[in-house]
Amino acid sequence: MSLFDRQWINDEFIPIVQQRGAAIIKARKLSSAASAANAAISHIRDWVHGSRGWTSMAIPSDGSYGVPKGIIFSYPVICKDGKYEIVKGLKVDPETQKRLDVTIEELVSERKAVEHLLK
């Protein structure tokens, strides 16, 4: 198992991530809302107190990595002193870029669908 093992990523990691909510519900016999709340708490803790190395944070895009400005997107960031900074210059392999492009397209489409409500 490796982050560079494309077969492991496609066959094991991605399906697990896609089914995480259902797995939590199955294991707890309860909603996965507490898991989402815990993730939000961890997110804010890192933002306020700083992260140990990189963390992933959903923030408004500044245009990095080809994501249109203003789209809320998960970036690798380093948090310090109540601020975050996007980790720049990471190489993205073509397979991962394809997945990112699909996500970007979905988010842009969703924003267009509600733009009239934001004016």
N, C-alpha and C. Protein backbone atom coordinates (compact mmCIF):
# COMPACT_ATOMS: atom_id res chain seq x y z
N MET A 1 0.85 -1.18 0.00
CA MET A 1 0.00 0.00 0.00
C MET A 1 0.89 1.23 0.00
N SER A 2 0.61 2.16 -0.91
CA SER A 2 1.40 3.37 -1.04
C SER A 2 0.56 4.44 -1.70
N LEU A 3 0.84 5.68 -1.37
CA LEU A 3 0.12 6.77 -2.02
C LEU A 3 0.49 6.88 -3.49
N PHE A 4 1.53 6.18 -3.92
CA PHE A 4 1.93 6.19 -5.31
C PHE A 4 1.52 4.90 -6.03
N ASP A 5 0.81 4.05 -5.32
CA ASP A 5 0.34 2.79 -5.88
C ASP A 5 -1.06 3.03 -6.45
N ARG A 6 -1.11 3.30 -7.77
CA ARG A 6 -2.35 3.68 -8.43
C ARG A 6 -3.44 2.63 -8.26
N GLN A 7 -3.08 1.35 -8.30
CA GLN A 7 -4.08 0.29 -8.14
C GLN A 7 -4.70 0.34 -6.75
N TRP A 8 -3.87 0.52 -5.71
CA TRP A 8 -4.38 0.62 -4.34
C TRP A 8 -5.29 1.84 -4.21
N ILE A 9 -4.90 2.96 -4.78
CA ILE A 9 -5.72 4.17 -4.71
C ILE A 9 -7.08 3.91 -5.34
N ASN A 10 -7.09 3.36 -6.54
CA ASN A 10 -8.34 3.15 -7.28
C ASN A 10 -9.20 2.03 -6.71
N ASP A 11 -8.57 0.93 -6.31
CA ASP A 11 -9.33 -0.26 -5.90
C ASP A 11 -9.70 -0.29 -4.42
N GLU A 12 -8.91 0.37 -3.58
CA GLU A 12 -9.15 0.30 -2.14
C GLU A 12 -9.46 1.65 -1.50
N PHE A 13 -8.54 2.60 -1.67
CA PHE A 13 -8.68 3.87 -0.96
C PHE A 13 -9.93 4.65 -1.37
N ILE A 14 -10.11 4.88 -2.66
CA ILE A 14 -11.24 5.69 -3.13
C ILE A 14 -12.58 5.05 -2.75
N PRO A 15 -12.79 3.74 -2.94
CA PRO A 15 -14.07 3.16 -2.51
C PRO A 15 -14.32 3.31 -1.00
N ILE A 16 -13.28 3.19 -0.20
CA ILE A 16 -13.44 3.35 1.26
C ILE A 16 -13.88 4.77 1.57
N VAL A 17 -13.23 5.75 0.97
CA VAL A 17 -13.58 7.15 1.22
C VAL A 17 -15.01 7.43 0.75
N GLN A 18 -15.39 6.89 -0.40
CA GLN A 18 -16.72 7.12 -0.94
C GLN A 18 -17.81 6.53 -0.04
N GLN A 19 -17.50 5.48 0.70
CA GLN A 19 -18.49 4.80 1.53
C GLN A 19 -18.34 5.08 3.02
N ARG A 20 -17.54 6.09 3.39
CA ARG A 20 -17.24 6.32 4.81
C ARG A 20 -18.47 6.66 5.62
N GLY A 21 -19.40 7.44 5.08
CA GLY A 21 -20.61 7.78 5.82
C GLY A 21 -21.44 6.55 6.11
N ALA A 22 -21.60 5.70 5.11
CA ALA A 22 -22.37 4.46 5.29
C ALA A 22 -21.68 3.55 6.30
N ALA A 23 -20.35 3.50 6.27
CA ALA A 23 -19.62 2.65 7.22
C ALA A 23 -19.82 3.13 8.65
N ILE A 24 -19.84 4.43 8.85
CA ILE A 24 -20.05 4.99 10.19
C ILE A 24 -21.45 4.64 10.67
N ILE A 25 -22.43 4.84 9.82
CA ILE A 25 -23.81 4.52 10.18
C ILE A 25 -23.95 3.04 10.51
N LYS A 26 -23.35 2.18 9.72
CA LYS A 26 -23.42 0.74 9.96
C LYS A 26 -22.77 0.38 11.29
N ALA A 27 -21.60 0.94 11.57
CA ALA A 27 -20.87 0.60 12.79
C ALA A 27 -21.56 1.15 14.04
N ARG A 28 -22.06 2.37 13.98
CA ARG A 28 -22.63 3.03 15.15
C ARG A 28 -24.13 2.80 15.29
N LYS A 29 -24.77 2.42 14.20
CA LYS A 29 -26.23 2.31 14.14
C LYS A 29 -26.88 3.67 14.40
N LEU A 30 -26.11 4.71 14.10
CA LEU A 30 -26.55 6.09 14.27
C LEU A 30 -26.07 6.91 13.08
N SER A 31 -26.55 8.13 13.02
CA SER A 31 -26.15 9.06 11.98
C SER A 31 -24.64 9.31 12.02
N SER A 32 -24.11 9.68 10.87
CA SER A 32 -22.69 10.03 10.80
C SER A 32 -22.47 11.51 11.12
N ALA A 33 -23.49 12.21 11.60
CA ALA A 33 -23.38 13.65 11.89
C ALA A 33 -22.29 13.94 12.92
N ALA A 34 -22.14 13.08 13.93
CA ALA A 34 -21.12 13.31 14.95
C ALA A 34 -19.73 13.27 14.32
N SER A 35 -19.54 12.43 13.32
CA SER A 35 -18.26 12.36 12.63
C SER A 35 -17.99 13.67 11.89
N ALA A 36 -19.02 14.20 11.24
CA ALA A 36 -18.86 15.47 10.53
C ALA A 36 -18.58 16.60 11.52
N ALA A 37 -19.25 16.56 12.67
CA ALA A 37 -19.01 17.58 13.70
C ALA A 37 -17.58 17.49 14.22
N ASN A 38 -17.10 16.28 14.43
CA ASN A 38 -15.72 16.09 14.89
C ASN A 38 -14.72 16.61 13.86
N ALA A 39 -15.01 16.39 12.59
CA ALA A 39 -14.14 16.90 11.53
C ALA A 39 -14.12 18.43 11.55
N ALA A 40 -15.27 19.04 11.77
CA ALA A 40 -15.34 20.51 11.84
C ALA A 40 -14.53 21.03 13.02
N ILE A 41 -14.62 20.36 14.16
CA ILE A 41 -13.86 20.76 15.34
C ILE A 41 -12.36 20.66 15.07
N SER A 42 -11.92 19.57 14.46
CA SER A 42 -10.51 19.40 14.13
C SER A 42 -10.03 20.49 13.17
N HIS A 43 -10.88 20.81 12.21
CA HIS A 43 -10.60 21.83 11.21
C HIS A 43 -10.35 23.18 11.90
N ILE A 44 -11.25 23.58 12.77
CA ILE A 44 -11.14 24.86 13.47
C ILE A 44 -9.94 24.85 14.42
N ARG A 45 -9.71 23.72 15.11
CA ARG A 45 -8.57 23.62 16.02
C ARG A 45 -7.26 23.88 15.27
N ASP A 46 -7.10 23.24 14.10
CA ASP A 46 -5.89 23.45 13.32
C ASP A 46 -5.77 24.91 12.87
N TRP A 47 -6.87 25.50 12.48
CA TRP A 47 -6.87 26.87 12.00
C TRP A 47 -6.44 27.83 13.11
N VAL A 48 -7.00 27.63 14.29
CA VAL A 48 -6.73 28.53 15.42
C VAL A 48 -5.37 28.27 16.05
N HIS A 49 -5.05 27.01 16.30
CA HIS A 49 -3.84 26.67 17.04
C HIS A 49 -2.66 26.28 16.16
N GLY A 50 -2.89 26.13 14.87
CA GLY A 50 -1.82 25.74 13.96
C GLY A 50 -1.84 24.26 13.67
N SER A 51 -1.37 23.93 12.51
CA SER A 51 -1.33 22.53 12.09
C SER A 51 0.10 22.02 12.23
N ARG A 52 0.21 20.73 12.41
CA ARG A 52 1.53 20.09 12.40
C ARG A 52 1.77 19.62 10.97
N GLY A 53 2.45 20.41 10.21
CA GLY A 53 2.64 20.08 8.80
C GLY A 53 1.39 20.43 8.01
N TRP A 54 1.21 19.75 6.90
CA TRP A 54 0.06 20.03 6.04
C TRP A 54 -1.19 19.43 6.63
N THR A 55 -2.29 20.09 6.31
CA THR A 55 -3.61 19.53 6.56
C THR A 55 -4.46 19.90 5.36
N SER A 56 -5.63 19.34 5.28
CA SER A 56 -6.53 19.64 4.18
C SER A 56 -7.63 20.54 4.71
N MET A 57 -7.90 21.64 3.99
CA MET A 57 -8.90 22.59 4.46
C MET A 57 -9.72 23.10 3.28
N ALA A 58 -11.03 23.11 3.44
CA ALA A 58 -11.91 23.66 2.41
C ALA A 58 -11.94 25.18 2.58
N ILE A 59 -11.40 25.88 1.59
CA ILE A 59 -11.28 27.33 1.65
C ILE A 59 -11.65 27.93 0.30
N PRO A 60 -11.92 29.25 0.25
CA PRO A 60 -12.16 29.88 -1.05
C PRO A 60 -10.89 29.84 -1.90
N SER A 61 -11.03 29.41 -3.12
CA SER A 61 -9.88 29.30 -4.01
C SER A 61 -9.32 30.68 -4.35
N ASP A 62 -8.01 30.74 -4.42
CA ASP A 62 -7.33 31.94 -4.91
C ASP A 62 -6.87 31.74 -6.35
N GLY A 63 -7.32 30.64 -6.96
CA GLY A 63 -6.91 30.30 -8.33
C GLY A 63 -5.83 29.25 -8.39
N SER A 64 -5.30 28.84 -7.23
CA SER A 64 -4.23 27.83 -7.19
C SER A 64 -4.71 26.52 -7.78
N TYR A 65 -3.78 25.82 -8.38
CA TYR A 65 -4.01 24.48 -8.95
C TYR A 65 -5.15 24.45 -9.97
N GLY A 66 -5.39 25.59 -10.62
CA GLY A 66 -6.39 25.64 -11.69
C GLY A 66 -7.84 25.68 -11.22
N VAL A 67 -8.06 25.90 -9.94
CA VAL A 67 -9.43 25.99 -9.41
C VAL A 67 -9.88 27.45 -9.54
N PRO A 68 -11.03 27.71 -10.18
CA PRO A 68 -11.47 29.10 -10.34
C PRO A 68 -11.57 29.83 -9.00
N LYS A 69 -11.20 31.11 -9.01
CA LYS A 69 -11.26 31.92 -7.79
C LYS A 69 -12.65 31.90 -7.19
N GLY A 70 -12.70 31.81 -5.86
CA GLY A 70 -13.96 31.88 -5.13
C GLY A 70 -14.64 30.56 -4.89
N ILE A 71 -14.30 29.53 -5.65
CA ILE A 71 -14.88 28.20 -5.43
C ILE A 71 -14.33 27.68 -4.10
N ILE A 72 -15.19 27.14 -3.25
CA ILE A 72 -14.72 26.53 -2.02
C ILE A 72 -14.16 25.16 -2.38
N PHE A 73 -12.89 24.96 -2.06
CA PHE A 73 -12.19 23.77 -2.50
C PHE A 73 -11.23 23.31 -1.42
N SER A 74 -11.01 22.03 -1.34
CA SER A 74 -10.09 21.49 -0.34
C SER A 74 -8.66 21.57 -0.86
N TYR A 75 -7.85 22.28 -0.11
CA TYR A 75 -6.45 22.48 -0.47
C TYR A 75 -5.54 21.93 0.62
N PRO A 76 -4.31 21.57 0.24
CA PRO A 76 -3.30 21.31 1.26
C PRO A 76 -2.87 22.68 1.81
N VAL A 77 -2.96 22.84 3.12
CA VAL A 77 -2.61 24.11 3.74
C VAL A 77 -1.74 23.88 4.96
N ILE A 78 -1.06 24.93 5.35
CA ILE A 78 -0.38 24.97 6.63
C ILE A 78 -1.03 26.10 7.41
N CYS A 79 -1.44 25.80 8.63
CA CYS A 79 -2.09 26.79 9.48
C CYS A 79 -1.12 27.27 10.55
N LYS A 80 -1.12 28.58 10.78
CA LYS A 80 -0.26 29.16 11.80
C LYS A 80 -0.83 30.52 12.19
N ASP A 81 -0.87 30.79 13.49
CA ASP A 81 -1.31 32.09 14.00
C ASP A 81 -2.70 32.48 13.50
N GLY A 82 -3.61 31.51 13.41
CA GLY A 82 -4.98 31.80 13.00
C GLY A 82 -5.15 32.07 11.52
N LYS A 83 -4.12 31.78 10.74
CA LYS A 83 -4.18 31.98 9.29
C LYS A 83 -3.80 30.68 8.60
N TYR A 84 -4.20 30.57 7.36
CA TYR A 84 -3.81 29.40 6.57
C TYR A 84 -3.09 29.88 5.32
N GLU A 85 -2.23 29.01 4.81
CA GLU A 85 -1.53 29.30 3.56
C GLU A 85 -1.55 28.03 2.71
N ILE A 86 -1.98 28.18 1.47
CA ILE A 86 -2.02 27.05 0.56
C ILE A 86 -0.60 26.60 0.26
N VAL A 87 -0.38 25.29 0.33
CA VAL A 87 0.91 24.72 -0.06
C VAL A 87 0.97 24.77 -1.59
N LYS A 88 1.91 25.48 -2.11
CA LYS A 88 2.01 25.69 -3.56
C LYS A 88 3.03 24.74 -4.18
N GLY A 89 2.87 24.51 -5.47
CA GLY A 89 3.89 23.82 -6.25
C GLY A 89 3.90 22.30 -6.16
N LEU A 90 2.86 21.71 -5.57
CA LEU A 90 2.84 20.25 -5.52
C LEU A 90 2.56 19.70 -6.91
N LYS A 91 3.23 18.62 -7.26
CA LYS A 91 2.99 17.98 -8.55
C LYS A 91 1.75 17.11 -8.45
N VAL A 92 0.89 17.20 -9.45
CA VAL A 92 -0.33 16.41 -9.50
C VAL A 92 -0.24 15.51 -10.72
N ASP A 93 -0.32 14.19 -10.49
CA ASP A 93 -0.20 13.27 -11.62
C ASP A 93 -1.46 13.34 -12.48
N PRO A 94 -1.38 12.91 -13.72
CA PRO A 94 -2.51 13.04 -14.66
C PRO A 94 -3.81 12.38 -14.17
N GLU A 95 -3.72 11.22 -13.54
CA GLU A 95 -4.92 10.53 -13.05
C GLU A 95 -5.61 11.36 -11.96
N THR A 96 -4.83 11.88 -11.04
CA THR A 96 -5.38 12.71 -9.98
C THR A 96 -5.94 14.00 -10.57
N GLN A 97 -5.26 14.58 -11.54
CA GLN A 97 -5.75 15.81 -12.17
C GLN A 97 -7.10 15.59 -12.83
N LYS A 98 -7.28 14.41 -13.45
CA LYS A 98 -8.59 14.11 -14.05
C LYS A 98 -9.69 14.12 -12.99
N ARG A 99 -9.41 13.53 -11.83
CA ARG A 99 -10.39 13.51 -10.74
C ARG A 99 -10.65 14.92 -10.21
N LEU A 100 -9.60 15.69 -10.09
CA LEU A 100 -9.76 17.08 -9.65
C LEU A 100 -10.59 17.87 -10.65
N ASP A 101 -10.33 17.66 -11.94
CA ASP A 101 -11.08 18.38 -12.98
C ASP A 101 -12.58 18.06 -12.92
N VAL A 102 -12.91 16.79 -12.66
CA VAL A 102 -14.32 16.41 -12.52
C VAL A 102 -14.95 17.14 -11.34
N THR A 103 -14.24 17.19 -10.22
CA THR A 103 -14.74 17.87 -9.03
C THR A 103 -14.90 19.36 -9.30
N ILE A 104 -13.91 19.97 -9.93
CA ILE A 104 -13.98 21.40 -10.25
C ILE A 104 -15.19 21.67 -11.13
N GLU A 105 -15.39 20.84 -12.14
CA GLU A 105 -16.52 21.00 -13.05
C GLU A 105 -17.86 20.91 -12.30
N GLU A 106 -17.96 19.97 -11.39
CA GLU A 106 -19.19 19.83 -10.59
C GLU A 106 -19.43 21.07 -9.72
N LEU A 107 -18.37 21.56 -9.08
CA LEU A 107 -18.52 22.73 -8.21
C LEU A 107 -18.88 23.98 -9.00
N VAL A 108 -18.27 24.17 -10.15
CA VAL A 108 -18.60 25.32 -11.00
C VAL A 108 -20.06 25.22 -11.45
N SER A 109 -20.49 24.04 -11.83
CA SER A 109 -21.87 23.82 -12.25
C SER A 109 -22.86 24.12 -11.11
N GLU A 110 -22.51 23.66 -9.91
CA GLU A 110 -23.38 23.92 -8.76
C GLU A 110 -23.44 25.41 -8.45
N ARG A 111 -22.32 26.10 -8.57
CA ARG A 111 -22.32 27.55 -8.33
C ARG A 111 -23.20 28.25 -9.36
N LYS A 112 -23.09 27.84 -10.62
CA LYS A 112 -23.91 28.46 -11.67
C LYS A 112 -25.40 28.24 -11.39
N ALA A 113 -25.74 27.09 -10.84
CA ALA A 113 -27.14 26.76 -10.58
C ALA A 113 -27.76 27.65 -9.50
N VAL A 114 -26.93 28.23 -8.64
CA VAL A 114 -27.48 29.06 -7.56
C VAL A 114 -27.04 30.52 -7.64
N GLU A 115 -26.29 30.88 -8.69
CA GLU A 115 -25.77 32.24 -8.79
C GLU A 115 -26.86 33.30 -8.64
N HIS A 116 -28.02 33.04 -9.20
CA HIS A 116 -29.10 34.03 -9.13
C HIS A 116 -29.56 34.27 -7.69
N LEU A 117 -29.30 33.34 -6.80
CA LEU A 117 -29.69 33.51 -5.39
C LEU A 117 -28.66 34.32 -4.61
N LEU A 118 -27.47 34.48 -5.17
CA LEU A 118 -26.38 35.15 -4.47
C LEU A 118 -26.28 36.64 -4.77
N LYS A 119 -27.14 37.13 -5.62
CA LYS A 119 -27.08 38.56 -6.01
C LYS A 119 -28.00 39.39 -5.18
